Amino acid sequence: MFDISYSHETPEGVDLEVELAGPFVRCLAFALDFLLRAFIVCLMLVVALIIGYGNQFGWGLFLLFLFLIEWFYPLLFEFFRGGQTPGKKAMGIYVINDDLSPLSFSATLTRNLLRAADFLPLAYGFAFLSIVVSGRFQRLGDLAAGTLVVHKHQQQLESLPANTEALAPPAQLNSDEQLSLIEFYLRQQQLSPQRQQELAQLIAPALNLSHSDAVRELHLMGAWLLGARGQQ
């Protein structure tokens, strides 16, 4: 029932590590989202009663809105807000792919369509059971979509000192490559010089870096991706 760590090695050989969100914090996030949705639904019910007095239009509008908020509330928030519904954001957790890359639309669509199965037999019984017994706190939708719910530690992304040296990457990087460079920069104190050099040699050809100075250049790029602009 406690939160645990999960690591994944990228194709570049960089180990990324996150802290999985356990059942308790996920239940709290769900409760907050449920209360917010219930508040919105109550407001729409009042509107439906006003508009629908004497006809069926208001009730039809209300039922349509009820369907949309039930199915699209988590889908749209998770995809457009970095894997976070308001409840997840309040609890400091978010959804990502199990390779620790940002959540894809197909993954969030799959995990939310399977909420119907997670709800069975009553009050998300299967979901809670799956979270408890699975090794990575995944409900059925997570297992099918290949997603994880993890803690978001803002302290890792704090602003760097203004004089921190930085270097813009020489080419456009995708999200996985950016995460790899950031992790390489953040973990430089945990990796031996030999291990850093070994990893740098794997990445250097893709970025056309000098093999002799690849470690330093990758650190500068990681700092740049974290917001430092000491060297343009």
Protein backbone atom coordinates (compact mmCIF):
# COMPACT_ATOMS: atom_id res chain seq x y z
CA MET A 1 0.00 0.00 0.00
CA PHE A 2 3.02 2.29 0.15
CA ASP A 3 4.44 4.29 -2.72
CA ILE A 4 7.39 2.61 -4.44
CA SER A 5 10.04 3.60 -6.95
CA TYR A 6 10.03 2.51 -10.58
CA SER A 7 12.90 2.87 -13.03
CA HIS A 8 13.18 2.55 -16.81
CA GLU A 9 16.25 2.61 -19.02
CA THR A 10 15.91 4.71 -22.16
CA PRO A 11 17.34 3.57 -25.52
CA GLU A 12 20.21 5.99 -24.84
CA GLY A 13 21.14 4.02 -21.71
CA VAL A 14 19.93 6.63 -19.18
CA ASP A 15 18.02 5.28 -16.17
CA LEU A 16 14.89 7.32 -15.40
CA GLU A 17 13.27 6.86 -12.00
CA VAL A 18 9.87 7.89 -10.68
CA GLU A 19 7.84 7.29 -7.54
CA LEU A 20 4.62 5.40 -8.17
CA ALA A 21 1.43 6.77 -6.61
CA GLY A 22 -0.18 4.30 -4.22
CA PRO A 23 -3.88 3.50 -3.65
CA PHE A 24 -4.42 6.07 -0.91
CA VAL A 25 -3.30 9.16 -2.82
CA ARG A 26 -5.09 7.94 -5.95
CA CYS A 27 -8.33 7.53 -4.02
CA LEU A 28 -8.00 11.06 -2.67
CA ALA A 29 -7.44 12.41 -6.18
CA PHE A 30 -10.48 10.52 -7.43
CA ALA A 31 -12.60 11.88 -4.57
CA LEU A 32 -11.61 15.46 -5.40
CA ASP A 33 -12.44 14.95 -9.07
CA PHE A 34 -15.75 13.34 -8.13
CA LEU A 35 -16.71 16.28 -5.93
CA LEU A 36 -15.79 18.76 -8.68
CA ARG A 37 -17.81 16.86 -11.27
CA ALA A 38 -20.75 16.59 -8.86
CA PHE A 39 -20.67 20.36 -8.31
CA ILE A 40 -20.67 21.02 -12.07
CA VAL A 41 -23.50 18.53 -12.61
CA CYS A 42 -25.59 20.22 -9.90
CA LEU A 43 -25.14 23.58 -11.63
CA MET A 44 -26.21 22.07 -14.95
CA LEU A 45 -29.21 20.47 -13.26
CA VAL A 46 -30.38 23.90 -12.13
CA VAL A 47 -29.95 25.20 -15.68
CA ALA A 48 -31.85 22.20 -17.05
CA LEU A 49 -34.74 22.81 -14.64
CA ILE A 50 -34.95 26.43 -15.74
CA ILE A 51 -34.67 25.76 -19.48
CA GLY A 52 -36.71 22.58 -19.45
CA TYR A 53 -39.77 23.86 -17.58
CA GLY A 54 -42.75 22.47 -19.48
CA ASN A 55 -40.72 20.60 -22.15
CA GLN A 56 -38.05 17.94 -22.58
CA PHE A 57 -35.30 20.09 -24.10
CA GLY A 58 -33.67 20.97 -20.79
CA TRP A 59 -33.62 17.37 -19.61
CA GLY A 60 -32.16 16.21 -22.89
CA LEU A 61 -29.47 18.86 -22.64
CA PHE A 62 -28.71 17.82 -19.07
CA LEU A 63 -28.39 14.11 -19.94
CA LEU A 64 -26.10 14.95 -22.85
CA PHE A 65 -23.91 17.07 -20.58
CA LEU A 66 -23.89 14.32 -17.97
CA PHE A 67 -22.58 11.87 -20.58
CA LEU A 68 -19.90 14.29 -21.79
CA ILE A 69 -18.57 15.16 -18.35
CA GLU A 70 -18.50 11.52 -17.25
CA TRP A 71 -16.47 10.33 -20.24
CA PHE A 72 -14.55 13.36 -21.44
CA TYR A 73 -13.64 15.08 -18.15
CA PRO A 74 -10.67 12.76 -17.40
CA LEU A 75 -9.80 12.22 -21.06
CA LEU A 76 -9.41 15.89 -21.98
CA PHE A 77 -7.72 16.93 -18.74
CA GLU A 78 -5.19 14.11 -18.86
CA PHE A 79 -4.27 14.70 -22.49
CA PHE A 80 -4.20 18.50 -22.56
CA ARG A 81 -2.98 19.12 -18.99
CA GLY A 82 0.06 16.87 -18.81
CA GLY A 83 -1.66 13.76 -17.45
CA GLN A 84 -3.39 15.62 -14.62
CA THR A 85 -7.04 16.08 -13.78
CA PRO A 86 -7.73 18.79 -11.15
CA GLY A 87 -7.81 16.08 -8.47
CA LYS A 88 -4.51 14.60 -9.57
CA LYS A 89 -2.93 18.05 -9.74
CA ALA A 90 -4.08 18.83 -6.20
CA MET A 91 -2.48 15.59 -4.97
CA GLY A 92 0.73 16.10 -6.96
CA ILE A 93 0.36 13.04 -9.20
CA TYR A 94 0.00 12.55 -12.95
CA VAL A 95 -0.34 9.85 -15.61
CA ILE A 96 2.50 8.86 -17.95
CA ASN A 97 3.28 6.01 -20.31
CA ASP A 98 5.03 3.06 -18.66
CA ASP A 99 8.24 3.91 -20.55
CA LEU A 100 8.10 7.22 -18.62
CA SER A 101 7.35 9.24 -21.76
CA PRO A 102 4.51 11.83 -21.76
CA LEU A 103 1.00 10.40 -21.95
CA SER A 104 -0.19 9.75 -25.52
CA PHE A 105 -3.76 10.29 -26.71
CA SER A 106 -4.26 6.60 -27.52
CA ALA A 107 -3.14 5.65 -24.02
CA THR A 108 -5.42 8.08 -22.23
CA LEU A 109 -8.32 7.07 -24.51
CA THR A 110 -7.79 3.38 -23.71
CA ARG A 111 -7.41 3.82 -19.95
CA ASN A 112 -10.56 5.96 -19.73
CA LEU A 113 -12.72 3.77 -21.97
CA LEU A 114 -11.94 0.88 -19.62
CA ARG A 115 -13.27 2.79 -16.63
CA ALA A 116 -16.52 0.92 -17.25
CA ALA A 117 -14.73 -2.36 -16.52
CA ASP A 118 -12.87 -0.83 -13.58
CA PHE A 119 -16.19 0.21 -12.04
CA LEU A 120 -17.42 -3.40 -11.78
CA PRO A 121 -18.80 -5.04 -9.75
CA LEU A 122 -19.58 -1.90 -7.73
CA ALA A 123 -17.88 1.42 -6.89
CA TYR A 124 -14.68 0.66 -8.83
CA GLY A 125 -14.14 -2.61 -7.04
CA PHE A 126 -12.06 -4.16 -9.82
CA ALA A 127 -9.98 -0.99 -10.11
CA PHE A 128 -9.08 -0.95 -6.42
CA LEU A 129 -8.33 -4.68 -6.40
CA SER A 130 -6.09 -4.34 -9.46
CA ILE A 131 -4.22 -1.38 -7.94
CA VAL A 132 -3.57 -3.30 -4.73
CA VAL A 133 -2.42 -6.60 -6.28
CA SER A 134 -0.53 -5.31 -9.33
CA GLY A 135 3.15 -4.68 -8.89
CA ARG A 136 2.97 -1.09 -10.13
CA PHE A 137 -0.36 0.12 -8.70
CA GLN A 138 -2.14 -0.14 -12.06
CA ARG A 139 -5.88 -0.43 -12.49
CA LEU A 140 -7.28 -2.41 -15.43
CA GLY A 141 -7.26 0.64 -17.67
CA ASP A 142 -3.61 1.27 -16.84
CA LEU A 143 -2.66 -2.33 -17.60
CA ALA A 144 -4.39 -2.21 -20.99
CA ALA A 145 -3.05 1.23 -21.93
CA GLY A 146 0.47 0.75 -20.59
CA THR A 147 0.29 3.73 -18.22
CA LEU A 148 1.42 4.57 -14.70
CA VAL A 149 0.31 7.13 -12.12
CA VAL A 150 3.34 8.74 -10.49
CA HIS A 151 4.24 11.58 -8.15
CA LYS A 152 5.31 14.86 -9.68
CA HIS A 153 8.21 16.28 -7.70
CA GLN A 154 8.43 19.95 -8.50
CA GLN A 155 11.70 20.33 -6.64
CA GLN A 156 13.52 18.59 -9.49
CA LEU A 157 12.51 21.37 -11.84
CA GLU A 158 13.32 24.40 -9.71
CA SER A 159 14.84 27.36 -11.48
CA LEU A 160 18.58 27.17 -11.86
CA PRO A 161 20.89 30.05 -10.89
CA ALA A 162 20.99 32.83 -13.45
CA ASN A 163 24.71 32.28 -14.13
CA THR A 164 24.36 28.55 -14.84
CA GLU A 165 26.07 27.67 -18.09
CA ALA A 166 23.77 26.26 -20.75
CA LEU A 167 23.82 25.24 -24.38
CA ALA A 168 20.85 24.89 -26.72
CA PRO A 169 20.60 21.44 -28.37
CA PRO A 170 21.84 21.51 -31.98
CA ALA A 171 18.65 19.84 -33.25
CA GLN A 172 14.97 19.52 -32.39
CA LEU A 173 14.52 16.86 -29.71
CA ASN A 174 11.45 14.78 -29.02
CA SER A 175 10.06 14.39 -25.51
CA ASP A 176 11.97 11.17 -24.78
CA GLU A 177 15.29 12.73 -25.80
CA GLN A 178 14.61 15.83 -23.71
CA LEU A 179 13.78 13.69 -20.65
CA SER A 180 17.00 11.73 -21.17
CA LEU A 181 19.16 14.86 -21.26
CA ILE A 182 17.43 16.34 -18.21
CA GLU A 183 17.88 13.11 -16.25
CA PHE A 184 21.52 12.91 -17.35
CA TYR A 185 22.07 16.44 -16.01
CA LEU A 186 20.18 15.90 -12.73
CA ARG A 187 21.98 12.64 -11.93
CA GLN A 188 25.51 13.71 -12.75
CA GLN A 189 26.48 13.50 -9.07
CA GLN A 190 25.16 9.94 -8.85
CA LEU A 191 26.98 8.59 -11.91
CA SER A 192 30.68 7.86 -11.99
CA PRO A 193 32.78 9.74 -14.59
CA GLN A 194 33.30 6.47 -16.42
CA ARG A 195 29.55 5.78 -16.58
CA GLN A 196 28.84 9.33 -17.74
CA GLN A 197 31.44 9.01 -20.47
CA GLU A 198 29.98 5.67 -21.55
CA LEU A 199 26.47 7.11 -21.81
CA ALA A 200 27.71 10.24 -23.56
CA GLN A 201 29.41 8.17 -26.25
CA LEU A 202 26.06 6.54 -27.03
CA ILE A 203 24.27 9.87 -27.43
CA ALA A 204 27.03 11.94 -29.05
CA PRO A 205 26.66 10.64 -32.64
CA ALA A 206 22.94 11.51 -32.77
CA LEU A 207 23.71 15.13 -31.78
CA ASN A 208 26.96 15.47 -33.73
CA LEU A 209 28.93 16.16 -30.56
CA SER A 210 32.65 15.98 -30.02
CA HIS A 211 33.40 12.67 -28.30
CA SER A 212 36.11 14.27 -26.21
CA ASP A 213 33.77 16.87 -24.67
CA ALA A 214 30.42 15.08 -24.99
CA VAL A 215 29.73 14.79 -21.25
CA ARG A 216 30.11 18.54 -20.64
CA GLU A 217 28.03 19.45 -23.70
CA LEU A 218 25.22 17.10 -22.65
CA HIS A 219 25.22 18.62 -19.16
CA LEU A 220 24.94 22.10 -20.70
CA MET A 221 22.03 20.97 -22.86
CA GLY A 222 20.29 19.45 -19.83
CA ALA A 223 20.66 22.76 -18.00
CA TRP A 224 19.25 24.58 -21.03
CA LEU A 225 16.19 22.31 -21.09
CA LEU A 226 15.65 23.06 -17.38
CA GLY A 227 15.53 26.78 -18.13
CA ALA A 228 19.10 28.01 -17.78
CA ARG A 229 20.14 30.42 -20.51
CA GLY A 230 23.67 31.31 -19.45
CA GLN A 231 25.09 30.47 -22.89
CA GLN A 232 23.10 30.90 -26.10
